[in-house]
Amino acid sequence: MHKEAEDDYAHLSSLLQEFTSIPNIDKAWLFSSPGLHLQGMFAVSQSDLLTNTRRTSIMSCNILKERDSSVNFLWAPFPIEMSGVSVIVPSPSGSKLLVIRNPENEAACCFQIWSSSRMEKEFHIPQSLHGSVYNDGWFEGVSWNMNETCVAYVAEGPSPAKLTFNGLWGYKIDGCADKDSGYWKCQGDWEEDWGETYAGKRQPALFVIDINSGEVREVKGIDKSLSIGQVVWAPFTEGSEQYLVFVGWSSKPRKLGIKYCSNRPCALYAVRLRALHHDSKSNEPVLQSTEEFHMLNLTQTISSAFFPRFR
């Protein structure tokens, strides 16, 4: 190789490292605090060329408005890397932080609730309830309610039961552990996925977790032909019923890609959570499974609607 070509490669390699070392601000949250200033929290990512992944970290700052109307940012000294974390969502007041770690293989999904100084609670959600929480930026949706007692989110539906066989006696009725030797499990019924980056992922569904008890419920009453995403809690007043607003994509006639087909027809839906009642002792909303859910199409007159927001 000529000396000039080697110099060009070295120069381009150096440029690539410099560009990839520049972090991206993926998400940002602002919280009101006592006094006249705001607190900011930022999810920052940076490329890791060796592992072909992105490092995720969080940064915080105080935002001060000076007398001359200028704005001053007082940043924390260093960011904090969130290794192995799939989703980070602070509560509306900024007093709690939800950290979700998606499982590897068939392990349970981990939900952690952090306060300012410690981890308060940790819940492990088995595959029989749901799979990984979506964090793709399209189906992704994780939302705290205003009371900070429940979190709505979008995750893969529960893993279906699979028939178990062995090499000698055929079908095993009572099943077996995944690591039992001499047994094998069927792949199960074939289910069409959305393709592209969603190959092998199960259909997104809507769930609500009570962060006090760890109880998880799938939101019922939603058409199974809809893939759910971008869920948010609608504003409500004390004593009124709560609503979840989300986007629904129909799988009819077929799922032919979605991440790179943003013009695919979709609609905004609302579901009334009549399953939330107030505990007389704590006066906080508690999940109750005896009530029904009701879904409403909010955008029947238009063919595409997504990213619902309330101000």
Protein backbone atom coordinates (compact mmCIF):
# COMPACT_ATOMS: atom_id res chain seq x y z
CA MET A 1 0.00 0.00 0.00
CA HIS A 2 1.31 3.43 -0.91
CA LYS A 3 2.29 5.85 1.82
CA GLU A 4 -0.37 8.35 0.69
CA ALA A 5 -3.11 5.71 0.90
CA GLU A 6 -1.99 4.73 4.41
CA ASP A 7 -2.08 8.37 5.49
CA ASP A 8 -5.58 8.76 4.05
CA TYR A 9 -6.83 5.68 5.91
CA ALA A 10 -5.25 6.89 9.14
CA HIS A 11 -6.81 10.33 8.70
CA LEU A 12 -10.27 8.91 7.95
CA SER A 13 -10.01 6.52 10.90
CA SER A 14 -9.14 9.40 13.19
CA LEU A 15 -12.10 11.41 11.87
CA LEU A 16 -14.44 8.47 12.45
CA GLN A 17 -13.32 8.12 16.06
CA GLU A 18 -13.72 11.84 16.65
CA PHE A 19 -17.23 11.93 15.18
CA THR A 20 -18.43 8.81 17.01
CA SER A 21 -17.09 10.16 20.30
CA ILE A 22 -19.63 13.00 20.12
CA PRO A 23 -22.59 11.99 22.34
CA ASN A 24 -26.23 12.30 21.32
CA ILE A 25 -28.97 13.57 23.61
CA ASP A 26 -31.71 10.97 23.10
CA LYS A 27 -34.27 12.21 25.62
CA ALA A 28 -34.69 15.11 28.02
CA TRP A 29 -36.99 15.83 30.97
CA LEU A 30 -37.61 19.03 32.94
CA PHE A 31 -38.89 19.19 36.53
CA SER A 32 -40.03 22.11 38.62
CA SER A 33 -38.21 22.44 41.92
CA PRO A 34 -38.59 24.72 44.96
CA GLY A 35 -37.47 28.21 44.03
CA LEU A 36 -37.27 29.75 40.60
CA HIS A 37 -35.07 27.20 38.83
CA LEU A 38 -35.72 24.00 36.93
CA GLN A 39 -34.00 20.64 37.08
CA GLY A 40 -33.10 18.84 33.88
CA MET A 41 -32.36 15.18 33.24
CA PHE A 42 -30.91 13.89 29.98
CA ALA A 43 -30.45 10.43 28.48
CA VAL A 44 -27.21 10.53 26.50
CA SER A 45 -25.78 7.85 24.21
CA GLN A 46 -22.39 7.38 22.60
CA SER A 47 -21.18 4.88 20.00
CA ASP A 48 -18.94 2.00 21.04
CA LEU A 49 -17.13 0.95 17.87
CA LEU A 50 -15.55 -2.18 19.35
CA THR A 51 -18.86 -3.79 20.36
CA ASN A 52 -21.00 -2.07 17.70
CA THR A 53 -23.39 -0.86 20.41
CA ARG A 54 -24.23 2.41 22.11
CA ARG A 55 -23.33 3.35 25.66
CA THR A 56 -26.20 4.98 27.53
CA SER A 57 -25.72 7.38 30.42
CA ILE A 58 -27.75 9.97 32.30
CA MET A 59 -26.82 13.56 33.10
CA SER A 60 -28.54 16.12 35.29
CA CYS A 61 -28.35 19.87 35.70
CA ASN A 62 -29.96 22.87 37.37
CA ILE A 63 -31.29 25.50 34.97
CA LEU A 64 -31.18 29.04 36.31
CA LYS A 65 -32.71 32.12 34.76
CA GLU A 66 -30.61 35.18 35.50
CA ARG A 67 -31.86 38.72 36.02
CA ASP A 68 -30.83 39.72 32.50
CA SER A 69 -33.08 36.91 31.14
CA SER A 70 -30.09 34.75 30.23
CA VAL A 71 -30.15 31.05 31.11
CA ASN A 72 -27.37 29.31 33.01
CA PHE A 73 -26.90 25.53 33.09
CA LEU A 74 -25.19 24.07 36.18
CA TRP A 75 -24.20 20.56 35.09
CA ALA A 76 -23.33 17.62 37.31
CA PRO A 77 -19.58 16.87 37.15
CA PHE A 78 -19.90 13.54 35.29
CA PRO A 79 -22.53 11.44 33.52
CA ILE A 80 -23.51 8.05 34.99
CA GLU A 81 -23.42 5.07 32.63
CA MET A 82 -26.50 2.83 32.72
CA SER A 83 -25.05 -0.53 31.74
CA GLY A 84 -27.54 -3.19 30.65
CA VAL A 85 -30.47 -0.77 30.91
CA SER A 86 -33.16 -0.81 28.22
CA VAL A 87 -35.48 2.02 29.32
CA ILE A 88 -35.10 4.97 31.71
CA VAL A 89 -38.17 7.05 32.59
CA PRO A 90 -38.40 9.50 35.53
CA SER A 91 -41.73 10.16 37.22
CA PRO A 92 -43.54 13.48 36.54
CA SER A 93 -42.27 15.03 39.78
CA GLY A 94 -38.73 13.75 39.27
CA SER A 95 -38.77 12.04 42.67
CA LYS A 96 -38.72 8.49 41.24
CA LEU A 97 -36.86 6.83 38.39
CA LEU A 98 -38.08 3.73 36.55
CA VAL A 99 -35.29 1.54 35.19
CA ILE A 100 -36.23 -1.40 32.95
CA ARG A 101 -33.81 -4.17 32.04
CA ASN A 102 -35.02 -6.41 29.24
CA PRO A 103 -34.27 -10.12 29.61
CA GLU A 104 -31.88 -12.30 27.69
CA ASN A 105 -33.38 -15.45 26.21
CA GLU A 106 -36.39 -16.53 28.31
CA ALA A 107 -35.47 -14.76 31.56
CA ALA A 108 -37.77 -12.38 33.44
CA CYS A 109 -38.01 -8.66 32.70
CA CYS A 110 -36.67 -6.52 35.55
CA PHE A 111 -38.40 -3.32 36.76
CA GLN A 112 -36.59 -1.14 39.30
CA ILE A 113 -37.96 1.91 41.13
CA TRP A 114 -35.25 4.30 42.34
CA SER A 115 -35.53 7.28 44.66
CA SER A 116 -32.92 10.01 45.12
CA SER A 117 -30.67 7.84 47.28
CA ARG A 118 -31.56 4.16 46.83
CA MET A 119 -33.44 1.49 44.93
CA GLU A 120 -36.86 1.25 46.57
CA LYS A 121 -38.38 -1.72 44.76
CA GLU A 122 -37.54 -4.36 42.20
CA PHE A 123 -39.99 -6.56 40.30
CA HIS A 124 -39.28 -9.47 37.96
CA ILE A 125 -41.99 -10.01 35.34
CA PRO A 126 -41.98 -13.58 33.93
CA GLN A 127 -42.38 -14.44 30.27
CA SER A 128 -45.80 -15.91 31.07
CA LEU A 129 -47.02 -12.31 31.60
CA HIS A 130 -45.06 -10.54 28.86
CA GLY A 131 -41.73 -10.41 27.07
CA SER A 132 -39.31 -7.55 26.52
CA VAL A 133 -40.49 -3.96 26.85
CA TYR A 134 -40.32 -2.15 23.51
CA ASN A 135 -37.60 0.53 23.42
CA ASP A 136 -37.35 1.08 19.67
CA GLY A 137 -38.68 4.65 19.50
CA TRP A 138 -41.72 3.59 17.45
CA PHE A 139 -43.79 1.04 19.35
CA GLU A 140 -42.01 2.25 22.49
CA GLY A 141 -44.22 3.77 25.17
CA VAL A 142 -43.67 4.02 28.94
CA SER A 143 -45.79 6.49 30.91
CA TRP A 144 -46.30 7.28 34.61
CA ASN A 145 -49.71 8.33 35.85
CA MET A 146 -49.93 11.67 37.66
CA ASN A 147 -50.24 10.01 41.08
CA GLU A 148 -47.00 8.13 40.38
CA THR A 149 -48.55 4.86 41.50
CA CYS A 150 -48.93 3.09 38.14
CA VAL A 151 -46.92 2.86 34.94
CA ALA A 152 -48.38 1.98 31.54
CA TYR A 153 -46.03 0.46 28.98
CA VAL A 154 -45.83 -1.52 25.75
CA ALA A 155 -44.19 -4.95 25.75
CA GLU A 156 -44.18 -8.14 23.74
CA GLY A 157 -47.16 -10.33 24.47
CA PRO A 158 -46.78 -13.38 26.72
CA SER A 159 -44.77 -16.31 25.45
CA PRO A 160 -47.18 -19.02 24.26
CA ALA A 161 -46.93 -22.49 25.74
CA LYS A 162 -44.91 -24.91 23.61
CA LEU A 163 -45.41 -28.65 23.32
CA THR A 164 -42.61 -30.74 24.85
CA PHE A 165 -41.36 -34.05 23.45
CA ASN A 166 -38.60 -36.53 24.17
CA GLY A 167 -36.79 -38.89 21.87
CA LEU A 168 -38.31 -42.10 23.28
CA TRP A 169 -41.82 -41.64 24.60
CA GLY A 170 -43.13 -38.75 22.51
CA TYR A 171 -45.31 -35.99 23.94
CA LYS A 172 -44.71 -35.06 27.59
CA ILE A 173 -47.95 -33.89 29.20
CA ASP A 174 -46.61 -32.23 32.35
CA GLY A 175 -43.83 -30.32 30.56
CA CYS A 176 -40.25 -30.04 31.72
CA ALA A 177 -37.59 -27.54 32.61
CA ASP A 178 -35.86 -25.77 29.73
CA LYS A 179 -32.51 -27.35 30.63
CA ASP A 180 -33.74 -30.93 31.08
CA SER A 181 -31.69 -33.24 28.89
CA GLY A 182 -33.45 -35.58 26.50
CA TYR A 183 -36.36 -33.22 25.89
CA TRP A 184 -37.06 -30.65 23.21
CA LYS A 185 -39.75 -28.06 22.69
CA CYS A 186 -41.67 -27.20 19.55
CA GLN A 187 -41.30 -23.76 18.02
CA GLY A 188 -45.02 -23.20 18.49
CA ASP A 189 -47.51 -21.74 16.03
CA TRP A 190 -46.03 -19.45 13.40
CA GLU A 191 -46.90 -15.80 13.98
CA GLU A 192 -46.29 -13.04 11.46
CA ASP A 193 -44.08 -10.23 12.76
CA TRP A 194 -43.47 -6.72 11.45
CA GLY A 195 -40.17 -7.65 9.83
CA GLU A 196 -37.25 -5.22 9.47
CA THR A 197 -35.77 -4.73 12.96
CA TYR A 198 -38.75 -6.54 14.54
CA ALA A 199 -38.01 -10.00 13.18
CA GLY A 200 -38.74 -12.58 15.87
CA LYS A 201 -40.52 -10.13 18.18
CA ARG A 202 -44.00 -10.90 19.42
CA GLN A 203 -46.92 -8.51 18.91
CA PRO A 204 -46.76 -5.38 21.11
CA ALA A 205 -49.45 -5.23 23.78
CA LEU A 206 -50.42 -2.76 26.51
CA PHE A 207 -49.75 -3.40 30.21
CA VAL A 208 -50.08 -1.52 33.49
CA ILE A 209 -47.97 -2.18 36.60
CA ASP A 210 -48.81 -1.03 40.12
CA ILE A 211 -45.44 0.08 41.50
CA ASN A 212 -46.58 -0.43 45.10
CA SER A 213 -47.58 -4.08 44.79
CA GLY A 214 -45.79 -5.07 41.57
CA GLU A 215 -49.06 -6.39 40.13
CA VAL A 216 -49.10 -6.41 36.32
CA ARG A 217 -52.24 -6.45 34.20
CA GLU A 218 -52.65 -6.58 30.45
CA VAL A 219 -55.16 -3.98 29.29
CA LYS A 220 -58.15 -5.90 27.95
CA GLY A 221 -60.72 -4.93 25.36
CA ILE A 222 -58.20 -4.06 22.63
CA ASP A 223 -58.64 -5.68 19.23
CA LYS A 224 -56.05 -8.42 18.77
CA SER A 225 -55.43 -7.22 15.20
CA LEU A 226 -53.93 -3.98 16.58
CA SER A 227 -50.27 -3.53 17.44
CA ILE A 228 -50.00 -1.01 20.27
CA GLY A 229 -47.44 1.75 20.78
CA GLN A 230 -46.67 5.23 22.17
CA VAL A 231 -48.97 5.04 25.20
CA VAL A 232 -49.50 8.07 27.47
CA TRP A 233 -51.83 8.82 30.38
CA ALA A 234 -54.45 11.44 29.65
CA PRO A 235 -54.76 14.31 32.17
CA PHE A 236 -57.50 13.80 34.74
CA THR A 237 -59.01 15.43 37.80
CA GLU A 238 -59.31 13.76 41.19
CA GLY A 239 -62.32 11.47 41.32
CA SER A 240 -62.69 11.14 37.55
CA GLU A 241 -61.91 8.07 35.49
CA GLN A 242 -58.46 7.68 33.99
CA TYR A 243 -57.74 7.13 30.30
CA LEU A 244 -54.79 5.76 28.40
CA VAL A 245 -54.19 7.15 24.91
CA PHE A 246 -52.13 5.10 22.47
CA VAL A 247 -51.46 4.45 18.79
CA GLY A 248 -52.79 1.33 17.09
CA TRP A 249 -51.54 -0.16 13.82
CA SER A 250 -53.74 -2.74 12.16
CA SER A 251 -52.12 -5.96 10.95
CA LYS A 252 -54.75 -6.35 8.23
CA PRO A 253 -54.25 -7.45 5.55
CA ARG A 254 -50.58 -8.12 6.40
CA LYS A 255 -47.66 -6.80 8.43
CA LEU A 256 -45.28 -5.53 5.76
CA GLY A 257 -42.82 -3.45 7.75
CA ILE A 258 -43.40 -0.39 9.89
CA LYS A 259 -40.16 1.25 11.02
CA TYR A 260 -39.28 2.35 7.49
CA CYS A 261 -42.93 2.70 6.41
CA SER A 262 -44.04 5.60 8.60
CA ASN A 263 -47.01 6.27 6.31
CA ARG A 264 -48.70 3.02 7.33
CA PRO A 265 -52.32 3.71 8.42
CA CYS A 266 -52.74 4.10 12.18
CA ALA A 267 -55.09 5.77 14.63
CA LEU A 268 -55.21 7.15 18.15
CA TYR A 269 -57.25 5.16 20.65
CA ALA A 270 -58.29 5.78 24.24
CA VAL A 271 -59.10 3.16 26.84
CA ARG A 272 -60.94 3.96 30.05
CA LEU A 273 -59.33 2.36 33.07
CA ARG A 274 -62.36 1.51 35.13
CA ALA A 275 -60.10 -1.03 36.80
CA LEU A 276 -58.55 1.70 38.94
CA HIS A 277 -60.18 2.33 42.30
CA HIS A 278 -58.99 4.11 45.44
CA ASP A 279 -57.86 2.20 48.49
CA SER A 280 -59.67 3.59 51.52
CA LYS A 281 -56.55 3.26 53.67
CA SER A 282 -53.93 4.88 51.45
CA ASN A 283 -56.29 6.84 49.14
CA GLU A 284 -54.14 5.72 46.21
CA PRO A 285 -55.27 4.06 42.96
CA VAL A 286 -55.06 0.27 43.00
CA LEU A 287 -55.44 -2.16 40.11
CA GLN A 288 -58.61 -4.23 40.19
CA SER A 289 -59.31 -6.89 37.61
CA THR A 290 -63.07 -7.22 37.99
CA GLU A 291 -63.99 -4.22 35.82
CA GLU A 292 -64.01 -4.07 32.03
CA PHE A 293 -61.98 -1.85 29.72
CA HIS A 294 -63.53 0.15 26.87
CA MET A 295 -61.61 1.33 23.79
CA LEU A 296 -62.48 4.39 21.69
CA ASN A 297 -61.13 5.42 18.27
CA LEU A 298 -60.27 9.13 18.53
CA THR A 299 -59.24 9.73 14.90
CA GLN A 300 -61.80 7.97 12.73
CA THR A 301 -61.83 10.75 10.11
CA ILE A 302 -58.09 10.65 9.32
CA SER A 303 -55.86 7.81 8.14
CA SER A 304 -52.74 8.46 10.21
CA ALA A 305 -52.16 9.75 13.74
CA PHE A 306 -49.31 9.06 16.14
CA PHE A 307 -47.14 10.50 18.95
CA PRO A 308 -49.99 11.70 21.24
CA ARG A 309 -49.04 14.55 23.57
CA PHE A 310 -50.80 16.59 26.26
CA ARG A 311 -49.73 20.03 27.43
